[in-house]
């Protein structure tokens, strides 16, 4: 799999030195919880803050279209507040968005049926349902060859584009984000994890799939004082230690949607859970 080098500015978002960073965990298409978090967040954000969405906007829940529309609507609302700029709101790519991206490569995969079935069992099924797409059509297409799969993925792409601004939104998803590495306590924000044995520029898919033992990390990932992730595959809830933080209340799996604020010193100073 070809991975874009993270030194590419289009892959990584650098946040500078914000007063606070509000981090929103995995949403998994739970639109009601997203509405509630946005309502609360709107009363708390101030000029000098940044907002980082950590990915997994879709998958498992049944309102993917409405969720993306709400993300875009809230963005417009925040940008109407004096002092806020487009670069103050950052969207990371989660494993669900990466999976959707890979869906369009299935026509050229060696075993599209097996990969497609794995995707269905890992969140894609609900996403297709949410766009009124028959998941069985994809299975038939996977068995029919390249042309059949191309026609079906084209239909999926057309359905996704029914959301105004969808293409631009997906094109601007970042692999990770971090505050200025030159400040005293820089922070790194990722979807699901990191590989401690790899440099930042070499993480590749680790941001989505290196999920194991994240809670057991007790040594800072140089040069960052804290690594914050928004998805925990074990759904153990929000967890913060000295060098990491998991901002995932289990939204989409019967839990809460979490939104946490970290100050200039990388300390947790506020937490919203709905």
C-alpha atoms as a PDB file:
ATOM      1  CA  UNK A   1       0.000   0.000   0.000  1.00  0.00           C
ATOM      2  CA  UNK A   2       1.421   3.391  -0.962  1.00  0.00           C
ATOM      3  CA  UNK A   3       1.519   5.830   1.917  1.00  0.00           C
ATOM      4  CA  UNK A   4       2.028   9.567   1.521  1.00  0.00           C
ATOM      5  CA  UNK A   5       5.038  10.783   3.480  1.00  0.00           C
ATOM      6  CA  UNK A   6       3.935  12.806   6.477  1.00  0.00           C
ATOM      7  CA  UNK A   7       6.459  15.493   5.747  1.00  0.00           C
ATOM      8  CA  UNK A   8       4.014  16.495   3.015  1.00  0.00           C
ATOM      9  CA  UNK A   9       2.076  19.484   4.393  1.00  0.00           C
ATOM     10  CA  UNK A  10      -1.146  18.086   2.960  1.00  0.00           C
ATOM     11  CA  UNK A  11      -0.852  15.036   5.257  1.00  0.00           C
ATOM     12  CA  UNK A  12      -0.243  16.725   8.588  1.00  0.00           C
ATOM     13  CA  UNK A  13      -1.829  19.739  10.239  1.00  0.00           C
ATOM     14  CA  UNK A  14       0.362  21.977  12.392  1.00  0.00           C
ATOM     15  CA  UNK A  15      -1.718  23.850  14.938  1.00  0.00           C
ATOM     16  CA  UNK A  16       0.803  26.391  16.161  1.00  0.00           C
ATOM     17  CA  UNK A  17       0.485  27.321  19.834  1.00  0.00           C
ATOM     18  CA  UNK A  18      -3.248  27.530  20.635  1.00  0.00           C
ATOM     19  CA  UNK A  19      -4.681  28.482  24.027  1.00  0.00           C
ATOM     20  CA  UNK A  20      -6.730  25.289  24.080  1.00  0.00           C
ATOM     21  CA  UNK A  21      -7.327  22.366  21.748  1.00  0.00           C
ATOM     22  CA  UNK A  22     -10.797  20.821  21.792  1.00  0.00           C
ATOM     23  CA  UNK A  23     -10.582  17.168  20.730  1.00  0.00           C
ATOM     24  CA  UNK A  24     -13.694  15.309  19.586  1.00  0.00           C
ATOM     25  CA  UNK A  25     -13.609  11.527  19.666  1.00  0.00           C
ATOM     26  CA  UNK A  26     -15.075   9.023  17.226  1.00  0.00           C
ATOM     27  CA  UNK A  27     -18.668   9.872  16.291  1.00  0.00           C
ATOM     28  CA  UNK A  28     -19.609   6.769  14.282  1.00  0.00           C
ATOM     29  CA  UNK A  29     -22.616   8.479  12.705  1.00  0.00           C
ATOM     30  CA  UNK A  30     -24.466   9.103  15.974  1.00  0.00           C
ATOM     31  CA  UNK A  31     -26.017  12.378  14.910  1.00  0.00           C
ATOM     32  CA  UNK A  32     -27.956  13.057  18.135  1.00  0.00           C
ATOM     33  CA  UNK A  33     -24.829  12.923  20.272  1.00  0.00           C
ATOM     34  CA  UNK A  34     -22.980  15.113  17.794  1.00  0.00           C
ATOM     35  CA  UNK A  35     -25.760  17.714  17.982  1.00  0.00           C
ATOM     36  CA  UNK A  36     -25.494  17.696  21.784  1.00  0.00           C
ATOM     37  CA  UNK A  37     -21.704  18.046  21.846  1.00  0.00           C
ATOM     38  CA  UNK A  38     -21.803  20.851  19.293  1.00  0.00           C
ATOM     39  CA  UNK A  39     -24.429  22.709  21.326  1.00  0.00           C
ATOM     40  CA  UNK A  40     -22.249  22.519  24.446  1.00  0.00           C
ATOM     41  CA  UNK A  41     -19.008  23.244  22.621  1.00  0.00           C
ATOM     42  CA  UNK A  42     -20.458  26.359  21.020  1.00  0.00           C
ATOM     43  CA  UNK A  43     -20.911  27.904  24.477  1.00  0.00           C
ATOM     44  CA  UNK A  44     -17.293  27.218  25.467  1.00  0.00           C
ATOM     45  CA  UNK A  45     -14.998  27.854  22.508  1.00  0.00           C
ATOM     46  CA  UNK A  46     -13.103  31.125  22.438  1.00  0.00           C
ATOM     47  CA  UNK A  47     -10.786  32.963  20.098  1.00  0.00           C
ATOM     48  CA  UNK A  48      -7.380  31.300  20.313  1.00  0.00           C
ATOM     49  CA  UNK A  49      -8.823  27.773  20.520  1.00  0.00           C
ATOM     50  CA  UNK A  50      -8.508  25.001  17.958  1.00  0.00           C
ATOM     51  CA  UNK A  51     -10.970  22.176  17.294  1.00  0.00           C
ATOM     52  CA  UNK A  52      -9.662  18.767  16.214  1.00  0.00           C
ATOM     53  CA  UNK A  53     -12.037  16.040  15.054  1.00  0.00           C
ATOM     54  CA  UNK A  54     -10.195  12.729  15.262  1.00  0.00           C
ATOM     55  CA  UNK A  55     -11.975  10.809  12.494  1.00  0.00           C
ATOM     56  CA  UNK A  56     -14.453   7.929  12.344  1.00  0.00           C
ATOM     57  CA  UNK A  57     -17.294  10.273  11.488  1.00  0.00           C
ATOM     58  CA  UNK A  58     -19.130   7.378   9.854  1.00  0.00           C
ATOM     59  CA  UNK A  59     -19.337   3.628  10.392  1.00  0.00           C
ATOM     60  CA  UNK A  60     -21.544   1.535  12.722  1.00  0.00           C
ATOM     61  CA  UNK A  61     -24.166   4.293  13.160  1.00  0.00           C
ATOM     62  CA  UNK A  62     -27.049   4.848  10.786  1.00  0.00           C
ATOM     63  CA  UNK A  63     -26.870   8.568  10.018  1.00  0.00           C
ATOM     64  CA  UNK A  64     -23.605   9.013   8.058  1.00  0.00           C
ATOM     65  CA  UNK A  65     -25.046  11.546   5.631  1.00  0.00           C
ATOM     66  CA  UNK A  66     -26.584  13.682   8.359  1.00  0.00           C
ATOM     67  CA  UNK A  67     -23.381  13.471  10.421  1.00  0.00           C
ATOM     68  CA  UNK A  68     -21.187  14.855   7.656  1.00  0.00           C
ATOM     69  CA  UNK A  69     -23.745  17.547   6.910  1.00  0.00           C
ATOM     70  CA  UNK A  70     -23.724  18.558  10.588  1.00  0.00           C
ATOM     71  CA  UNK A  71     -19.918  18.723  10.633  1.00  0.00           C
ATOM     72  CA  UNK A  72     -19.997  21.105   7.689  1.00  0.00           C
ATOM     73  CA  UNK A  73     -22.851  23.159   9.154  1.00  0.00           C
ATOM     74  CA  UNK A  74     -21.078  23.548  12.493  1.00  0.00           C
ATOM     75  CA  UNK A  75     -17.898  24.578  10.696  1.00  0.00           C
ATOM     76  CA  UNK A  76     -19.758  27.425   9.003  1.00  0.00           C
ATOM     77  CA  UNK A  77     -21.255  28.443  12.347  1.00  0.00           C
ATOM     78  CA  UNK A  78     -17.877  28.546  14.117  1.00  0.00           C
ATOM     79  CA  UNK A  79     -16.312  30.521  11.281  1.00  0.00           C
ATOM     80  CA  UNK A  80     -19.034  33.129  11.680  1.00  0.00           C
ATOM     81  CA  UNK A  81     -17.669  33.887  15.167  1.00  0.00           C
ATOM     82  CA  UNK A  82     -15.251  36.846  15.066  1.00  0.00           C
ATOM     83  CA  UNK A  83     -11.648  35.741  15.392  1.00  0.00           C
ATOM     84  CA  UNK A  84     -12.019  32.180  14.087  1.00  0.00           C
ATOM     85  CA  UNK A  85     -10.222  31.136  10.912  1.00  0.00           C
ATOM     86  CA  UNK A  86     -10.583  28.061   8.645  1.00  0.00           C
ATOM     87  CA  UNK A  87      -7.324  26.602   9.984  1.00  0.00           C
ATOM     88  CA  UNK A  88      -8.794  26.577  13.503  1.00  0.00           C
ATOM     89  CA  UNK A  89     -10.946  23.536  12.648  1.00  0.00           C
ATOM     90  CA  UNK A  90      -9.096  20.341  11.730  1.00  0.00           C
ATOM     91  CA  UNK A  91     -10.509  17.021  10.570  1.00  0.00           C
ATOM     92  CA  UNK A  92      -8.418  13.865  10.804  1.00  0.00           C
ATOM     93  CA  UNK A  93      -9.000  10.793   8.697  1.00  0.00           C
ATOM     94  CA  UNK A  94     -10.152   7.842  10.762  1.00  0.00           C
ATOM     95  CA  UNK A  95     -10.101   4.146   9.972  1.00  0.00           C
ATOM     96  CA  UNK A  96     -13.698   4.404   8.709  1.00  0.00           C
ATOM     97  CA  UNK A  97     -12.810   7.131   6.212  1.00  0.00           C
ATOM     98  CA  UNK A  98      -9.699   5.220   5.175  1.00  0.00           C
ATOM     99  CA  UNK A  99     -11.828   2.130   4.628  1.00  0.00           C
ATOM    100  CA  UNK A 100     -14.252   4.099   2.485  1.00  0.00           C
ATOM    101  CA  UNK A 101     -11.338   5.451   0.474  1.00  0.00           C
ATOM    102  CA  UNK A 102     -10.048   1.915  -0.093  1.00  0.00           C
ATOM    103  CA  UNK A 103     -13.502   0.804  -1.196  1.00  0.00           C
ATOM    104  CA  UNK A 104     -12.949   2.653  -4.465  1.00  0.00           C
ATOM    105  CA  UNK A 105      -9.784   0.626  -5.071  1.00  0.00           C
ATOM    106  CA  UNK A 106     -11.608  -2.715  -4.830  1.00  0.00           C
ATOM    107  CA  UNK A 107     -12.040  -3.107  -8.618  1.00  0.00           C
ATOM    108  CA  UNK A 108      -8.268  -3.565  -8.823  1.00  0.00           C
ATOM    109  CA  UNK A 109      -7.826  -5.771  -5.731  1.00  0.00           C
ATOM    110  CA  UNK A 110      -6.797  -9.416  -6.120  1.00  0.00           C
ATOM    111  CA  UNK A 111      -9.631 -10.656  -3.880  1.00  0.00           C
ATOM    112  CA  UNK A 112     -12.305  -7.935  -3.733  1.00  0.00           C
ATOM    113  CA  UNK A 113     -14.980 -10.207  -2.278  1.00  0.00           C
ATOM    114  CA  UNK A 114     -12.964 -11.122   0.827  1.00  0.00           C
ATOM    115  CA  UNK A 115     -11.922  -7.524   1.423  1.00  0.00           C
ATOM    116  CA  UNK A 116     -15.463  -6.268   0.907  1.00  0.00           C
ATOM    117  CA  UNK A 117     -16.894  -8.763   3.390  1.00  0.00           C
ATOM    118  CA  UNK A 118     -14.303  -7.666   5.963  1.00  0.00           C
ATOM    119  CA  UNK A 119     -15.287  -4.044   5.392  1.00  0.00           C
ATOM    120  CA  UNK A 120     -18.973  -4.848   5.866  1.00  0.00           C
ATOM    121  CA  UNK A 121     -18.221  -6.393   9.254  1.00  0.00           C
ATOM    122  CA  UNK A 122     -16.148  -3.424  10.353  1.00  0.00           C
ATOM    123  CA  UNK A 123     -18.534  -0.515   9.944  1.00  0.00           C
ATOM    124  CA  UNK A 124     -19.136  -0.208   6.208  1.00  0.00           C
ATOM    125  CA  UNK A 125     -22.473  -2.021   6.313  1.00  0.00           C
ATOM    126  CA  UNK A 126     -24.161   0.743   8.298  1.00  0.00           C
ATOM    127  CA  UNK A 127     -22.606   3.438   6.132  1.00  0.00           C
ATOM    128  CA  UNK A 128     -24.033   1.888   2.979  1.00  0.00           C
ATOM    129  CA  UNK A 129     -27.425   1.538   4.648  1.00  0.00           C
ATOM    130  CA  UNK A 130     -27.305   5.201   5.619  1.00  0.00           C
ATOM    131  CA  UNK A 131     -26.944   6.193   1.983  1.00  0.00           C
ATOM    132  CA  UNK A 132     -29.719   3.819   0.870  1.00  0.00           C
ATOM    133  CA  UNK A 133     -27.220   1.546  -0.877  1.00  0.00           C
ATOM    134  CA  UNK A 134     -27.833  -2.202  -0.947  1.00  0.00           C
ATOM    135  CA  UNK A 135     -24.788  -3.946   0.521  1.00  0.00           C
ATOM    136  CA  UNK A 136     -25.677  -7.098  -1.406  1.00  0.00           C
ATOM    137  CA  UNK A 137     -25.234  -5.239  -4.692  1.00  0.00           C
ATOM    138  CA  UNK A 138     -21.614  -4.724  -3.728  1.00  0.00           C
ATOM    139  CA  UNK A 139     -21.159  -8.426  -3.086  1.00  0.00           C
ATOM    140  CA  UNK A 140     -22.630  -9.321  -6.466  1.00  0.00           C
ATOM    141  CA  UNK A 141     -20.379  -6.717  -8.077  1.00  0.00           C
ATOM    142  CA  UNK A 142     -17.296  -8.133  -6.355  1.00  0.00           C
ATOM    143  CA  UNK A 143     -18.104 -11.505  -7.884  1.00  0.00           C
ATOM    144  CA  UNK A 144     -18.739 -10.095 -11.349  1.00  0.00           C
ATOM    145  CA  UNK A 145     -15.284  -8.771 -12.166  1.00  0.00           C
ATOM    146  CA  UNK A 146     -13.583  -5.444 -12.640  1.00  0.00           C
ATOM    147  CA  UNK A 147     -16.254  -3.753 -14.747  1.00  0.00           C
ATOM    148  CA  UNK A 148     -19.073  -4.747 -12.427  1.00  0.00           C
ATOM    149  CA  UNK A 149     -17.155  -3.503  -9.430  1.00  0.00           C
ATOM    150  CA  UNK A 150     -16.322  -0.226 -11.178  1.00  0.00           C
ATOM    151  CA  UNK A 151     -19.993   0.384 -11.930  1.00  0.00           C
ATOM    152  CA  UNK A 152     -20.997  -0.310  -8.339  1.00  0.00           C
ATOM    153  CA  UNK A 153     -18.285   1.845  -6.723  1.00  0.00           C
ATOM    154  CA  UNK A 154     -19.301   4.605  -9.135  1.00  0.00           C
ATOM    155  CA  UNK A 155     -22.825   4.345  -7.757  1.00  0.00           C
ATOM    156  CA  UNK A 156     -21.463   4.597  -4.214  1.00  0.00           C
ATOM    157  CA  UNK A 157     -19.398   7.655  -5.107  1.00  0.00           C
ATOM    158  CA  UNK A 158     -22.459   9.320  -6.644  1.00  0.00           C
ATOM    159  CA  UNK A 159     -24.488   8.698  -3.475  1.00  0.00           C
ATOM    160  CA  UNK A 160     -21.777  10.198  -1.284  1.00  0.00           C
ATOM    161  CA  UNK A 161     -21.618  13.263  -3.491  1.00  0.00           C
ATOM    162  CA  UNK A 162     -25.244  13.978  -2.684  1.00  0.00           C
ATOM    163  CA  UNK A 163     -23.776  15.800   0.327  1.00  0.00           C
ATOM    164  CA  UNK A 164     -22.866  19.337  -0.679  1.00  0.00           C
ATOM    165  CA  UNK A 165     -19.163  19.794  -0.006  1.00  0.00           C
ATOM    166  CA  UNK A 166     -18.445  16.079   0.462  1.00  0.00           C
ATOM    167  CA  UNK A 167     -15.530  15.874  -1.987  1.00  0.00           C
ATOM    168  CA  UNK A 168     -13.818  18.920  -0.512  1.00  0.00           C
ATOM    169  CA  UNK A 169     -14.351  17.625   3.019  1.00  0.00           C
ATOM    170  CA  UNK A 170     -12.802  14.228   2.271  1.00  0.00           C
ATOM    171  CA  UNK A 171      -9.927  15.769   0.318  1.00  0.00           C
ATOM    172  CA  UNK A 172      -8.895  17.884   3.312  1.00  0.00           C
ATOM    173  CA  UNK A 173      -8.800  15.120   5.938  1.00  0.00           C
ATOM    174  CA  UNK A 174      -5.412  15.001   7.673  1.00  0.00           C
ATOM    175  CA  UNK A 175      -3.505  11.938   8.823  1.00  0.00           C
ATOM    176  CA  UNK A 176      -2.535  13.588  12.103  1.00  0.00           C
ATOM    177  CA  UNK A 177      -2.120  16.998  13.724  1.00  0.00           C
ATOM    178  CA  UNK A 178       0.228  18.483  16.277  1.00  0.00           C
ATOM    179  CA  UNK A 179       0.972  21.721  18.053  1.00  0.00           C
ATOM    180  CA  UNK A 180       4.237  23.553  17.476  1.00  0.00           C
ATOM    181  CA  UNK A 181       7.096  21.185  18.332  1.00  0.00           C
ATOM    182  CA  UNK A 182       9.154  24.133  19.603  1.00  0.00           C
ATOM    183  CA  UNK A 183       6.861  24.933  22.522  1.00  0.00           C
ATOM    184  CA  UNK A 184       7.509  23.385  25.926  1.00  0.00           C
ATOM    185  CA  UNK A 185       4.724  20.787  25.819  1.00  0.00           C
ATOM    186  CA  UNK A 186       3.766  19.932  22.220  1.00  0.00           C
ATOM    187  CA  UNK A 187       0.879  17.533  21.610  1.00  0.00           C
ATOM    188  CA  UNK A 188       0.164  15.026  18.835  1.00  0.00           C
ATOM    189  CA  UNK A 189      -3.407  14.152  17.790  1.00  0.00           C
ATOM    190  CA  UNK A 190      -4.210  10.892  15.980  1.00  0.00           C
ATOM    191  CA  UNK A 191      -7.150   8.673  15.164  1.00  0.00           C
ATOM    192  CA  UNK A 192      -6.373   5.380  16.897  1.00  0.00           C
ATOM    193  CA  UNK A 193      -2.718   4.986  17.798  1.00  0.00           C
ATOM    194  CA  UNK A 194       0.962   5.236  17.002  1.00  0.00           C
ATOM    195  CA  UNK A 195       3.909   2.925  16.598  1.00  0.00           C
ATOM    196  CA  UNK A 196       6.441   4.037  19.204  1.00  0.00           C
ATOM    197  CA  UNK A 197       9.246   2.469  17.186  1.00  0.00           C
ATOM    198  CA  UNK A 198       8.605   4.682  14.153  1.00  0.00           C
ATOM    199  CA  UNK A 199       9.285   8.350  13.558  1.00  0.00           C
ATOM    200  CA  UNK A 200       6.373  10.663  12.883  1.00  0.00           C
ATOM    201  CA  UNK A 201       7.140  10.710   9.152  1.00  0.00           C
ATOM    202  CA  UNK A 202       7.164   6.890   9.036  1.00  0.00           C
ATOM    203  CA  UNK A 203       3.891   6.138  10.863  1.00  0.00           C
ATOM    204  CA  UNK A 204       1.898   5.375   7.700  1.00  0.00           C
ATOM    205  CA  UNK A 205      -1.132   3.227   8.551  1.00  0.00           C
ATOM    206  CA  UNK A 206      -0.169   3.127  12.241  1.00  0.00           C
ATOM    207  CA  UNK A 207      -2.441   6.083  12.925  1.00  0.00           C
ATOM    208  CA  UNK A 208      -5.400   3.810  12.146  1.00  0.00           C
ATOM    209  CA  UNK A 209      -4.254   0.282  12.957  1.00  0.00           C
ATOM    210  CA  UNK A 210      -1.578   0.524  15.699  1.00  0.00           C
ATOM    211  CA  UNK A 211      -4.193   0.382  18.433  1.00  0.00           C
ATOM    212  CA  UNK A 212      -2.881  -2.272  20.789  1.00  0.00           C
ATOM    213  CA  UNK A 213      -1.396  -1.356  24.164  1.00  0.00           C
ATOM    214  CA  UNK A 214      -1.995   2.375  23.751  1.00  0.00           C
ATOM    215  CA  UNK A 215      -3.139   2.563  27.366  1.00  0.00           C
ATOM    216  CA  UNK A 216       0.132   0.964  28.435  1.00  0.00           C
ATOM    217  CA  UNK A 217       2.259   3.771  27.008  1.00  0.00           C
ATOM    218  CA  UNK A 218       3.916   5.562  29.910  1.00  0.00           C
ATOM    219  CA  UNK A 219       6.874   7.097  28.126  1.00  0.00           C
ATOM    220  CA  UNK A 220       6.458  10.237  26.047  1.00  0.00           C
ATOM    221  CA  UNK A 221       6.702   9.894  22.273  1.00  0.00           C
ATOM    222  CA  UNK A 222       9.518  12.339  21.556  1.00  0.00           C
ATOM    223  CA  UNK A 223       9.192  15.290  21.038  1.00  0.00           C
ATOM    224  CA  UNK A 224       5.556  15.289  22.170  1.00  0.00           C
ATOM    225  CA  UNK A 225       4.529  15.591  25.800  1.00  0.00           C
ATOM    226  CA  UNK A 226       1.198  13.915  25.071  1.00  0.00           C
ATOM    227  CA  UNK A 227      -0.376  11.831  22.295  1.00  0.00           C
ATOM    228  CA  UNK A 228      -4.166  12.139  22.094  1.00  0.00           C
ATOM    229  CA  UNK A 229      -6.293   9.648  20.174  1.00  0.00           C
ATOM    230  CA  UNK A 230     -10.004   9.617  19.429  1.00  0.00           C
ATOM    231  CA  UNK A 231     -10.733   5.922  18.969  1.00  0.00           C
ATOM    232  CA  UNK A 232     -10.321   2.956  21.290  1.00  0.00           C
ATOM    233  CA  UNK A 233     -11.239  -0.375  19.662  1.00  0.00           C
ATOM    234  CA  UNK A 234     -11.728  -1.889  23.124  1.00  0.00           C
ATOM    235  CA  UNK A 235     -14.303   0.781  24.073  1.00  0.00           C
ATOM    236  CA  UNK A 236     -12.951   1.235  27.609  1.00  0.00           C
ATOM    237  CA  UNK A 237     -13.922   4.885  27.838  1.00  0.00           C
ATOM    238  CA  UNK A 238     -12.047   8.134  28.252  1.00  0.00           C
ATOM    239  CA  UNK A 239      -8.595   7.602  29.742  1.00  0.00           C
ATOM    240  CA  UNK A 240      -5.814  10.066  30.507  1.00  0.00           C
ATOM    241  CA  UNK A 241      -2.363   9.369  31.918  1.00  0.00           C
ATOM    242  CA  UNK A 242       0.792  11.464  32.014  1.00  0.00           C
ATOM    243  CA  UNK A 243       1.703  11.099  28.334  1.00  0.00           C
ATOM    244  CA  UNK A 244      -1.394   9.883  26.454  1.00  0.00           C
ATOM    245  CA  UNK A 245      -5.128  10.456  26.341  1.00  0.00           C
ATOM    246  CA  UNK A 246      -7.979   8.463  24.813  1.00  0.00           C
ATOM    247  CA  UNK A 247     -11.007  10.634  24.058  1.00  0.00           C
ATOM    248  CA  UNK A 248     -13.504   7.930  23.143  1.00  0.00           C
ATOM    249  CA  UNK A 249     -16.576   7.252  25.222  1.00  0.00           C
ATOM    250  CA  UNK A 250     -17.749   4.438  22.951  1.00  0.00           C
ATOM    251  CA  UNK A 251     -20.006   6.480  20.691  1.00  0.00           C
ATOM    252  CA  UNK A 252     -21.628   4.190  18.130  1.00  0.00           C
ATOM    253  CA  UNK A 253     -21.363   1.240  20.516  1.00  0.00           C
ATOM    254  CA  UNK A 254     -23.797   2.366  23.189  1.00  0.00           C
ATOM    255  CA  UNK A 255     -21.405   4.786  24.873  1.00  0.00           C
ATOM    256  CA  UNK A 256     -20.900   8.529  24.965  1.00  0.00           C
ATOM    257  CA  UNK A 257     -19.463  11.018  22.526  1.00  0.00           C
ATOM    258  CA  UNK A 258     -16.526  12.712  24.245  1.00  0.00           C
ATOM    259  CA  UNK A 259     -14.972  16.108  23.643  1.00  0.00           C
ATOM    260  CA  UNK A 260     -11.968  17.184  25.718  1.00  0.00           C
ATOM    261  CA  UNK A 261     -10.049  20.438  26.013  1.00  0.00           C
ATOM    262  CA  UNK A 262      -6.277  20.511  26.557  1.00  0.00           C
ATOM    263  CA  UNK A 263      -4.534  23.692  27.573  1.00  0.00           C
ATOM    264  CA  UNK A 264      -1.218  25.176  26.460  1.00  0.00           C
ATOM    265  CA  UNK A 265       0.584  22.849  28.885  1.00  0.00           C
ATOM    266  CA  UNK A 266      -1.110  19.726  27.433  1.00  0.00           C
ATOM    267  CA  UNK A 267      -3.256  19.276  30.553  1.00  0.00           C
ATOM    268  CA  UNK A 268      -6.911  18.221  30.408  1.00  0.00           C
ATOM    269  CA  UNK A 269      -8.977  21.221  31.489  1.00  0.00           C
ATOM    270  CA  UNK A 270     -12.508  20.395  30.357  1.00  0.00           C
ATOM    271  CA  UNK A 271     -14.500  17.350  29.292  1.00  0.00           C
ATOM    272  CA  UNK A 272     -17.877  17.082  27.580  1.00  0.00           C
ATOM    273  CA  UNK A 273     -19.555  13.671  27.454  1.00  0.00           C
ATOM    274  CA  UNK A 274     -23.070  13.097  26.157  1.00  0.00           C
END
